[in-house]
């Protein structure tokens, strides 16, 4: 994961992303990546639940 923190408390998933960070252009080159799970991953302590997250801005 890049710039993504996840925390599960009871049944509430909290996702934390620092919007000031950048990781360069996307594969298409049209956007700048801010955060990504880099595909689908399991929610902490809930293997049966998956999440896929991409945060980006226009170039």
PDB file of N, CA and C in Angstrom:
ATOM      1  N   UNK A   1       0.841  -1.186   0.000  1.00  0.00           N
ATOM      2  CA  UNK A   1       0.000   0.000   0.000  1.00  0.00           C
ATOM      3  C   UNK A   1       0.880   1.242   0.000  1.00  0.00           C
ATOM      4  N   UNK A   2       0.377   2.266  -0.621  1.00  0.00           N
ATOM      5  CA  UNK A   2       1.066   3.555  -0.648  1.00  0.00           C
ATOM      6  C   UNK A   2       0.188   4.597   0.039  1.00  0.00           C
ATOM      7  N   UNK A   3       0.664   5.136   1.164  1.00  0.00           N
ATOM      8  CA  UNK A   3       0.005   6.258   1.821  1.00  0.00           C
ATOM      9  C   UNK A   3      -1.424   5.935   2.273  1.00  0.00           C
ATOM     10  N   UNK A   4      -1.670   4.715   2.688  1.00  0.00           N
ATOM     11  CA  UNK A   4      -2.994   4.308   3.174  1.00  0.00           C
ATOM     12  C   UNK A   4      -2.822   3.612   4.518  1.00  0.00           C
ATOM     13  N   UNK A   5      -3.551   4.093   5.516  1.00  0.00           N
ATOM     14  CA  UNK A   5      -3.610   3.423   6.813  1.00  0.00           C
ATOM     15  C   UNK A   5      -5.051   3.034   7.068  1.00  0.00           C
ATOM     16  N   UNK A   6      -5.261   1.794   7.485  1.00  0.00           N
ATOM     17  CA  UNK A   6      -6.603   1.324   7.802  1.00  0.00           C
ATOM     18  C   UNK A   6      -6.641   0.834   9.235  1.00  0.00           C
ATOM     19  N   UNK A   7      -7.753   1.147   9.908  1.00  0.00           N
ATOM     20  CA  UNK A   7      -7.933   0.707  11.290  1.00  0.00           C
ATOM     21  C   UNK A   7      -9.373   0.229  11.445  1.00  0.00           C
ATOM     22  N   UNK A   8      -9.532  -0.934  12.046  1.00  0.00           N
ATOM     23  CA  UNK A   8     -10.858  -1.486  12.292  1.00  0.00           C
ATOM     24  C   UNK A   8     -11.112  -1.486  13.789  1.00  0.00           C
ATOM     25  N   UNK A   9     -12.148  -0.774  14.195  1.00  0.00           N
ATOM     26  CA  UNK A   9     -12.570  -0.745  15.600  1.00  0.00           C
ATOM     27  C   UNK A   9     -14.026  -1.184  15.647  1.00  0.00           C
ATOM     28  N   UNK A  10     -14.244  -2.338  16.301  1.00  0.00           N
ATOM     29  CA  UNK A  10     -15.553  -2.971  16.296  1.00  0.00           C
ATOM     30  C   UNK A  10     -15.918  -3.227  14.845  1.00  0.00           C
ATOM     31  N   UNK A  11     -16.953  -2.607  14.313  1.00  0.00           N
ATOM     32  CA  UNK A  11     -17.325  -2.797  12.915  1.00  0.00           C
ATOM     33  C   UNK A  11     -17.170  -1.520  12.099  1.00  0.00           C
ATOM     34  N   UNK A  12     -16.308  -0.612  12.548  1.00  0.00           N
ATOM     35  CA  UNK A  12     -16.076   0.652  11.851  1.00  0.00           C
ATOM     36  C   UNK A  12     -14.663   0.640  11.262  1.00  0.00           C
ATOM     37  N   UNK A  13     -14.576   0.753   9.934  1.00  0.00           N
ATOM     38  CA  UNK A  13     -13.294   0.825   9.241  1.00  0.00           C
ATOM     39  C   UNK A  13     -12.952   2.292   9.014  1.00  0.00           C
ATOM     40  N   UNK A  14     -11.778   2.705   9.479  1.00  0.00           N
ATOM     41  CA  UNK A  14     -11.299   4.067   9.265  1.00  0.00           C
ATOM     42  C   UNK A  14     -10.103   4.007   8.327  1.00  0.00           C
ATOM     43  N   UNK A  15     -10.148   4.846   7.289  1.00  0.00           N
ATOM     44  CA  UNK A  15      -9.071   4.916   6.305  1.00  0.00           C
ATOM     45  C   UNK A  15      -8.433   6.288   6.402  1.00  0.00           C
ATOM     46  N   UNK A  16      -7.099   6.300   6.515  1.00  0.00           N
ATOM     47  CA  UNK A  16      -6.362   7.554   6.659  1.00  0.00           C
ATOM     48  C   UNK A  16      -5.420   7.716   5.469  1.00  0.00           C
ATOM     49  N   UNK A  17      -5.506   8.876   4.772  1.00  0.00           N
ATOM     50  CA  UNK A  17      -4.672   9.189   3.614  1.00  0.00           C
ATOM     51  C   UNK A  17      -4.150  10.604   3.775  1.00  0.00           C
ATOM     52  N   UNK A  18      -2.843  10.794   3.593  1.00  0.00           N
ATOM     53  CA  UNK A  18      -2.237  12.123   3.622  1.00  0.00           C
ATOM     54  C   UNK A  18      -2.347  12.719   2.227  1.00  0.00           C
ATOM     55  N   UNK A  19      -3.210  13.719   2.051  1.00  0.00           N
ATOM     56  CA  UNK A  19      -3.471  14.291   0.735  1.00  0.00           C
ATOM     57  C   UNK A  19      -2.346  15.187   0.229  1.00  0.00           C
ATOM     58  N   UNK A  20      -1.318  15.426   1.041  1.00  0.00           N
ATOM     59  CA  UNK A  20      -0.190  16.245   0.589  1.00  0.00           C
ATOM     60  C   UNK A  20       0.875  15.420  -0.132  1.00  0.00           C
ATOM     61  N   UNK A  21       0.801  14.105  -0.064  1.00  0.00           N
ATOM     62  CA  UNK A  21       1.813  13.245  -0.692  1.00  0.00           C
ATOM     63  C   UNK A  21       1.447  12.945  -2.140  1.00  0.00           C
ATOM     64  N   UNK A  22       2.473  12.722  -2.957  1.00  0.00           N
ATOM     65  CA  UNK A  22       2.289  12.326  -4.351  1.00  0.00           C
ATOM     66  C   UNK A  22       3.281  11.224  -4.680  1.00  0.00           C
ATOM     67  N   UNK A  23       2.869  10.281  -5.537  1.00  0.00           N
ATOM     68  CA  UNK A  23       3.712   9.152  -5.910  1.00  0.00           C
ATOM     69  C   UNK A  23       3.934   9.076  -7.412  1.00  0.00           C
ATOM     70  N   UNK A  24       3.808  10.202  -8.093  1.00  0.00           N
ATOM     71  CA  UNK A  24       4.076  10.244  -9.526  1.00  0.00           C
ATOM     72  C   UNK A  24       2.850   9.944 -10.362  1.00  0.00           C
ATOM     73  N   UNK A  25       3.063   9.893 -11.679  1.00  0.00           N
ATOM     74  CA  UNK A  25       1.941   9.704 -12.594  1.00  0.00           C
ATOM     75  C   UNK A  25       1.393   8.273 -12.581  1.00  0.00           C
ATOM     76  N   UNK A  26       0.125   8.165 -12.937  1.00  0.00           N
ATOM     77  CA  UNK A  26      -0.509   6.853 -13.103  1.00  0.00           C
ATOM     78  C   UNK A  26       0.049   6.186 -14.356  1.00  0.00           C
ATOM     79  N   UNK A  27      -0.339   4.961 -14.592  1.00  0.00           N
ATOM     80  CA  UNK A  27       0.134   4.227 -15.769  1.00  0.00           C
ATOM     81  C   UNK A  27      -0.263   4.932 -17.066  1.00  0.00           C
ATOM     82  N   UNK A  28      -1.439   5.541 -17.079  1.00  0.00           N
ATOM     83  CA  UNK A  28      -1.900   6.244 -18.284  1.00  0.00           C
ATOM     84  C   UNK A  28      -1.232   7.608 -18.435  1.00  0.00           C
ATOM     85  N   UNK A  29      -0.706   8.136 -17.322  1.00  0.00           N
ATOM     86  CA  UNK A  29      -0.075   9.445 -17.351  1.00  0.00           C
ATOM     87  C   UNK A  29      -1.049  10.607 -17.240  1.00  0.00           C
ATOM     88  N   UNK A  30      -2.329  10.311 -17.067  1.00  0.00           N
ATOM     89  CA  UNK A  30      -3.340  11.367 -17.014  1.00  0.00           C
ATOM     90  C   UNK A  30      -3.549  11.925 -15.608  1.00  0.00           C
ATOM     91  N   UNK A  31      -3.145  11.170 -14.596  1.00  0.00           N
ATOM     92  CA  UNK A  31      -3.362  11.589 -13.215  1.00  0.00           C
ATOM     93  C   UNK A  31      -2.102  11.395 -12.381  1.00  0.00           C
ATOM     94  N   UNK A  32      -2.088  12.048 -11.214  1.00  0.00           N
ATOM     95  CA  UNK A  32      -1.010  11.897 -10.241  1.00  0.00           C
ATOM     96  C   UNK A  32      -1.548  11.059  -9.084  1.00  0.00           C
ATOM     97  N   UNK A  33      -0.848  10.004  -8.726  1.00  0.00           N
ATOM     98  CA  UNK A  33      -1.287   9.107  -7.648  1.00  0.00           C
ATOM     99  C   UNK A  33      -0.962   9.740  -6.294  1.00  0.00           C
ATOM    100  N   UNK A  34      -1.960   9.781  -5.419  1.00  0.00           N
ATOM    101  CA  UNK A  34      -1.797  10.273  -4.049  1.00  0.00           C
ATOM    102  C   UNK A  34      -1.738   9.106  -3.073  1.00  0.00           C
ATOM    103  N   UNK A  35      -2.576   8.091  -3.294  1.00  0.00           N
ATOM    104  CA  UNK A  35      -2.597   6.911  -2.419  1.00  0.00           C
ATOM    105  C   UNK A  35      -3.220   5.746  -3.167  1.00  0.00           C
ATOM    106  N   UNK A  36      -2.823   4.528  -2.787  1.00  0.00           N
ATOM    107  CA  UNK A  36      -3.390   3.347  -3.418  1.00  0.00           C
ATOM    108  C   UNK A  36      -3.177   2.113  -2.551  1.00  0.00           C
ATOM    109  N   UNK A  37      -4.148   1.223  -2.586  1.00  0.00           N
ATOM    110  CA  UNK A  37      -3.955  -0.088  -1.973  1.00  0.00           C
ATOM    111  C   UNK A  37      -3.238  -1.016  -2.941  1.00  0.00           C
ATOM    112  N   UNK A  38      -3.017  -0.562  -4.165  1.00  0.00           N
ATOM    113  CA  UNK A  38      -2.350  -1.330  -5.216  1.00  0.00           C
ATOM    114  C   UNK A  38      -3.058  -2.650  -5.481  1.00  0.00           C
ATOM    115  N   UNK A  39      -4.356  -2.560  -5.681  1.00  0.00           N
ATOM    116  CA  UNK A  39      -5.191  -3.737  -5.916  1.00  0.00           C
ATOM    117  C   UNK A  39      -6.131  -3.963  -4.750  1.00  0.00           C
ATOM    118  N   UNK A  40      -6.835  -5.069  -4.792  1.00  0.00           N
ATOM    119  CA  UNK A  40      -7.779  -5.399  -3.728  1.00  0.00           C
ATOM    120  C   UNK A  40      -7.051  -6.130  -2.608  1.00  0.00           C
ATOM    121  N   UNK A  41      -7.296  -5.695  -1.383  1.00  0.00           N
ATOM    122  CA  UNK A  41      -6.677  -6.313  -0.208  1.00  0.00           C
ATOM    123  C   UNK A  41      -7.742  -6.572   0.847  1.00  0.00           C
ATOM    124  N   UNK A  42      -7.415  -7.403   1.810  1.00  0.00           N
ATOM    125  CA  UNK A  42      -8.345  -7.709   2.899  1.00  0.00           C
ATOM    126  C   UNK A  42      -8.372  -6.582   3.916  1.00  0.00           C
ATOM    127  N   UNK A  43      -9.554  -6.346   4.453  1.00  0.00           N
ATOM    128  CA  UNK A  43      -9.711  -5.415   5.571  1.00  0.00           C
ATOM    129  C   UNK A  43      -9.040  -6.046   6.797  1.00  0.00           C
ATOM    130  N   UNK A  44      -8.341  -5.271   7.621  1.00  0.00           N
ATOM    131  CA  UNK A  44      -7.677  -5.847   8.799  1.00  0.00           C
ATOM    132  C   UNK A  44      -8.624  -6.702   9.647  1.00  0.00           C
ATOM    133  N   UNK A  45      -8.219  -7.914   9.949  1.00  0.00           N
ATOM    134  CA  UNK A  45      -8.963  -8.861  10.784  1.00  0.00           C
ATOM    135  C   UNK A  45     -10.283  -9.325  10.175  1.00  0.00           C
ATOM    136  N   UNK A  46     -10.502  -9.055   8.896  1.00  0.00           N
ATOM    137  CA  UNK A  46     -11.729  -9.488   8.204  1.00  0.00           C
ATOM    138  C   UNK A  46     -11.343  -9.996   6.819  1.00  0.00           C
ATOM    139  N   UNK A  47     -10.706 -11.151   6.759  1.00  0.00           N
ATOM    140  CA  UNK A  47     -10.192 -11.674   5.491  1.00  0.00           C
ATOM    141  C   UNK A  47     -11.255 -11.816   4.411  1.00  0.00           C
ATOM    142  N   UNK A  48     -12.513 -12.004   4.804  1.00  0.00           N
ATOM    143  CA  UNK A  48     -13.572 -12.199   3.822  1.00  0.00           C
ATOM    144  C   UNK A  48     -14.046 -10.890   3.192  1.00  0.00           C
ATOM    145  N   UNK A  49     -13.618  -9.744   3.742  1.00  0.00           N
ATOM    146  CA  UNK A  49     -14.006  -8.435   3.219  1.00  0.00           C
ATOM    147  C   UNK A  49     -12.799  -7.797   2.550  1.00  0.00           C
ATOM    148  N   UNK A  50     -12.995  -7.351   1.308  1.00  0.00           N
ATOM    149  CA  UNK A  50     -11.910  -6.774   0.519  1.00  0.00           C
ATOM    150  C   UNK A  50     -12.157  -5.285   0.263  1.00  0.00           C
ATOM    151  N   UNK A  51     -11.052  -4.565   0.014  1.00  0.00           N
ATOM    152  CA  UNK A  51     -11.143  -3.151  -0.335  1.00  0.00           C
ATOM    153  C   UNK A  51     -10.107  -2.855  -1.406  1.00  0.00           C
ATOM    154  N   UNK A  52     -10.469  -2.005  -2.352  1.00  0.00           N
ATOM    155  CA  UNK A  52      -9.554  -1.501  -3.365  1.00  0.00           C
ATOM    156  C   UNK A  52      -9.707   0.005  -3.400  1.00  0.00           C
ATOM    157  N   UNK A  53      -8.618   0.731  -3.173  1.00  0.00           N
ATOM    158  CA  UNK A  53      -8.705   2.192  -3.060  1.00  0.00           C
ATOM    159  C   UNK A  53      -7.650   2.852  -3.928  1.00  0.00           C
ATOM    160  N   UNK A  54      -8.064   3.854  -4.694  1.00  0.00           N
ATOM    161  CA  UNK A  54      -7.154   4.717  -5.430  1.00  0.00           C
ATOM    162  C   UNK A  54      -7.554   6.164  -5.179  1.00  0.00           C
ATOM    163  N   UNK A  55      -6.583   6.991  -4.793  1.00  0.00           N
ATOM    164  CA  UNK A  55      -6.804   8.421  -4.599  1.00  0.00           C
ATOM    165  C   UNK A  55      -5.852   9.123  -5.556  1.00  0.00           C
ATOM    166  N   UNK A  56      -6.387  10.012  -6.394  1.00  0.00           N
ATOM    167  CA  UNK A  56      -5.560  10.657  -7.404  1.00  0.00           C
ATOM    168  C   UNK A  56      -6.106  12.034  -7.739  1.00  0.00           C
ATOM    169  N   UNK A  57      -5.290  12.820  -8.472  1.00  0.00           N
ATOM    170  CA  UNK A  57      -5.739  14.126  -8.940  1.00  0.00           C
ATOM    171  C   UNK A  57      -5.325  14.297 -10.395  1.00  0.00           C
ATOM    172  N   UNK A  58      -5.989  15.205 -11.082  1.00  0.00           N
ATOM    173  CA  UNK A  58      -5.647  15.465 -12.473  1.00  0.00           C
ATOM    174  C   UNK A  58      -4.247  16.039 -12.567  1.00  0.00           C
ATOM    175  N   UNK A  59      -3.581  15.714 -13.629  1.00  0.00           N
ATOM    176  CA  UNK A  59      -2.220  16.170 -13.853  1.00  0.00           C
ATOM    177  C   UNK A  59      -2.184  17.641 -14.191  1.00  0.00           C
TER     178      UNK A  59
END
